[in-house]
Every structure is written in structure tokens, then in C-alpha cells.
Amino acid sequence: MNELDSRKVLFDQLESSLEDAYKQGPDGIIEYLKALSYSLGAQVAIVSKPEHIPDMINEVMTTFGQGLQSGMLELHGLNGKFKVHVNGVIRT
């Protein structure tokens, strides 16, 4: 399976989960997005060395922005830019 096919399979799985969340109403959607965010954060921590986490967050958020841009254009006809730059991560 190539990278594009893998992304399509993952997107379809997430889309199915989102449809289930929609059935639960606004609170279900919020909980779905929070769970997805938590899982993504944990996965970044698992695959990254601590010193690489800011760069990984930049990559993930850049891709998030591309998805947001694409969705806003496709669904609402709105075109814009979303940029994030992480200067550092502080652990307390």
C-alpha cells in the first residue's frame, strides 16, 4: 500500500468515526475531536525524541492547516491561510 492509499484508508476511518460522533450531537463532536487530539499528541510523543517535538508539532500543525484550508475552501468557498510556528515546548 502506498502513502496515498494509506492516507485514504485513515481518512475514511476518521470520517466514519466523525459520522458516529455527529449522531451524538455537538458534545459528541467535541469529545471526538478532543480524543483525536489527545491520541495525536501521544503518538507524537511516542515517535519523537524530546528535542524534536517542536519540529514535529510544526509539521503536524502545518498539515492540519492544509486540511483546514482545503475543507474551508471545499465546504464553504472560503480561501485563507493557517500558519503556526512553535518556538519551543516547556515541560513543567
C-alpha atoms as a PDB file:
ATOM      1  CA  MET A   1       0.000   0.000   0.000  1.00  0.00           C
ATOM      2  CA  ASN A   2       1.465   3.358  -0.985  1.00  0.00           C
ATOM      3  CA  GLU A   3       1.365   6.554   1.092  1.00  0.00           C
ATOM      4  CA  LEU A   4      -1.662   7.971  -0.740  1.00  0.00           C
ATOM      5  CA  ASP A   5      -3.633   4.747  -0.225  1.00  0.00           C
ATOM      6  CA  SER A   6      -2.675   4.690   3.468  1.00  0.00           C
ATOM      7  CA  ARG A   7      -3.850   8.281   3.914  1.00  0.00           C
ATOM      8  CA  LYS A   8      -7.146   7.473   2.161  1.00  0.00           C
ATOM      9  CA  VAL A   9      -7.777   4.461   4.430  1.00  0.00           C
ATOM     10  CA  LEU A  10      -7.009   6.532   7.528  1.00  0.00           C
ATOM     11  CA  PHE A  11      -9.169   9.427   6.305  1.00  0.00           C
ATOM     12  CA  ASP A  12     -12.078   7.052   5.675  1.00  0.00           C
ATOM     13  CA  GLN A  13     -11.725   5.560   9.182  1.00  0.00           C
ATOM     14  CA  LEU A  14     -11.692   9.024  10.755  1.00  0.00           C
ATOM     15  CA  GLU A  15     -14.657  10.084   8.616  1.00  0.00           C
ATOM     16  CA  SER A  16     -16.629   7.078   9.865  1.00  0.00           C
ATOM     17  CA  SER A  17     -15.779   7.955  13.489  1.00  0.00           C
ATOM     18  CA  LEU A  18     -16.832  11.555  12.874  1.00  0.00           C
ATOM     19  CA  GLU A  19     -20.169  10.380  11.478  1.00  0.00           C
ATOM     20  CA  ASP A  20     -20.711   8.379  14.681  1.00  0.00           C
ATOM     21  CA  ALA A  21     -19.855  11.485  16.727  1.00  0.00           C
ATOM     22  CA  TYR A  22     -22.354  13.559  14.720  1.00  0.00           C
ATOM     23  CA  LYS A  23     -25.093  11.195  15.866  1.00  0.00           C
ATOM     24  CA  GLN A  24     -24.291  12.214  19.452  1.00  0.00           C
ATOM     25  CA  GLY A  25     -24.690  15.917  18.697  1.00  0.00           C
ATOM     26  CA  PRO A  26     -22.321  18.832  19.368  1.00  0.00           C
ATOM     27  CA  ASP A  27     -20.955  17.322  22.589  1.00  0.00           C
ATOM     28  CA  GLY A  28     -20.139  14.097  20.752  1.00  0.00           C
ATOM     29  CA  ILE A  29     -18.257  16.009  18.068  1.00  0.00           C
ATOM     30  CA  ILE A  30     -16.246  17.944  20.660  1.00  0.00           C
ATOM     31  CA  GLU A  31     -15.390  14.722  22.523  1.00  0.00           C
ATOM     32  CA  TYR A  32     -14.355  13.072  19.259  1.00  0.00           C
ATOM     33  CA  LEU A  33     -12.027  15.965  18.367  1.00  0.00           C
ATOM     34  CA  LYS A  34     -10.563  16.034  21.888  1.00  0.00           C
ATOM     35  CA  ALA A  35      -9.915  12.280  21.803  1.00  0.00           C
ATOM     36  CA  LEU A  36      -8.352  12.573  18.366  1.00  0.00           C
ATOM     37  CA  SER A  37      -6.127  15.455  19.536  1.00  0.00           C
ATOM     38  CA  TYR A  38      -5.056  13.581  22.655  1.00  0.00           C
ATOM     39  CA  SER A  39      -4.223  10.489  20.622  1.00  0.00           C
ATOM     40  CA  LEU A  40      -2.245  12.517  18.093  1.00  0.00           C
ATOM     41  CA  GLY A  41      -0.297  14.231  20.878  1.00  0.00           C
ATOM     42  CA  ALA A  42       0.519  10.889  22.485  1.00  0.00           C
ATOM     43  CA  GLN A  43       1.657   9.484  19.143  1.00  0.00           C
ATOM     44  CA  VAL A  44       3.938  12.482  18.540  1.00  0.00           C
ATOM     45  CA  ALA A  45       5.481  11.882  21.966  1.00  0.00           C
ATOM     46  CA  ILE A  46       5.959   8.185  21.212  1.00  0.00           C
ATOM     47  CA  VAL A  47       7.709   8.664  17.873  1.00  0.00           C
ATOM     48  CA  SER A  48       9.752  11.782  18.704  1.00  0.00           C
ATOM     49  CA  LYS A  49      12.780  12.457  20.794  1.00  0.00           C
ATOM     50  CA  PRO A  50      12.035  15.308  23.229  1.00  0.00           C
ATOM     51  CA  GLU A  51      14.319  17.715  21.372  1.00  0.00           C
ATOM     52  CA  HIS A  52      12.466  17.015  18.097  1.00  0.00           C
ATOM     53  CA  ILE A  53       8.954  17.586  19.435  1.00  0.00           C
ATOM     54  CA  PRO A  54       8.732  21.300  18.475  1.00  0.00           C
ATOM     55  CA  ASP A  55       9.674  20.429  14.875  1.00  0.00           C
ATOM     56  CA  MET A  56       7.182  17.553  14.839  1.00  0.00           C
ATOM     57  CA  ILE A  57       4.447  19.855  16.179  1.00  0.00           C
ATOM     58  CA  ASN A  58       5.278  22.354  13.415  1.00  0.00           C
ATOM     59  CA  GLU A  59       4.951  19.616  10.791  1.00  0.00           C
ATOM     60  CA  VAL A  60       1.696  18.291  12.216  1.00  0.00           C
ATOM     61  CA  MET A  61       0.169  21.756  12.570  1.00  0.00           C
ATOM     62  CA  THR A  62       1.247  22.747   9.054  1.00  0.00           C
ATOM     63  CA  THR A  63      -0.533  19.689   7.694  1.00  0.00           C
ATOM     64  CA  PHE A  64      -3.517  20.454   9.961  1.00  0.00           C
ATOM     65  CA  GLY A  65      -3.611  23.933   8.422  1.00  0.00           C
ATOM     66  CA  GLN A  66      -3.547  22.485   4.911  1.00  0.00           C
ATOM     67  CA  GLY A  67      -6.501  20.255   5.763  1.00  0.00           C
ATOM     68  CA  LEU A  68      -8.352  23.180   7.333  1.00  0.00           C
ATOM     69  CA  GLN A  69      -7.676  25.332   4.274  1.00  0.00           C
ATOM     70  CA  SER A  70      -8.851  22.588   1.937  1.00  0.00           C
ATOM     71  CA  GLY A  71     -12.007  21.910   3.967  1.00  0.00           C
ATOM     72  CA  MET A  72     -12.923  25.589   4.244  1.00  0.00           C
ATOM     73  CA  LEU A  73     -12.495  26.063   0.503  1.00  0.00           C
ATOM     74  CA  GLU A  74     -14.393  22.915  -0.467  1.00  0.00           C
ATOM     75  CA  LEU A  75     -17.243  23.239   2.040  1.00  0.00           C
ATOM     76  CA  HIS A  76     -17.640  26.995   2.415  1.00  0.00           C
ATOM     77  CA  GLY A  77     -15.899  28.526  -0.598  1.00  0.00           C
ATOM     78  CA  LEU A  78     -13.545  30.388   1.741  1.00  0.00           C
ATOM     79  CA  ASN A  79      -9.848  30.617   0.981  1.00  0.00           C
ATOM     80  CA  GLY A  80      -7.321  31.579   3.636  1.00  0.00           C
ATOM     81  CA  LYS A  81      -4.051  30.624   5.228  1.00  0.00           C
ATOM     82  CA  PHE A  82      -3.301  28.944   8.525  1.00  0.00           C
ATOM     83  CA  LYS A  83       0.237  29.202   9.843  1.00  0.00           C
ATOM     84  CA  VAL A  84       1.688  28.021  13.120  1.00  0.00           C
ATOM     85  CA  HIS A  85       5.258  28.229  14.305  1.00  0.00           C
ATOM     86  CA  VAL A  86       6.295  26.604  17.555  1.00  0.00           C
ATOM     87  CA  ASN A  87       9.282  28.257  19.166  1.00  0.00           C
ATOM     88  CA  GLY A  88       9.562  25.798  21.995  1.00  0.00           C
ATOM     89  CA  VAL A  89       7.824  23.365  24.255  1.00  0.00           C
ATOM     90  CA  ILE A  90       8.036  23.836  28.011  1.00  0.00           C
ATOM     91  CA  ARG A  91       7.636  20.914  30.349  1.00  0.00           C
ATOM     92  CA  THR A  92       6.703  21.647  33.958  1.00  0.00           C
END
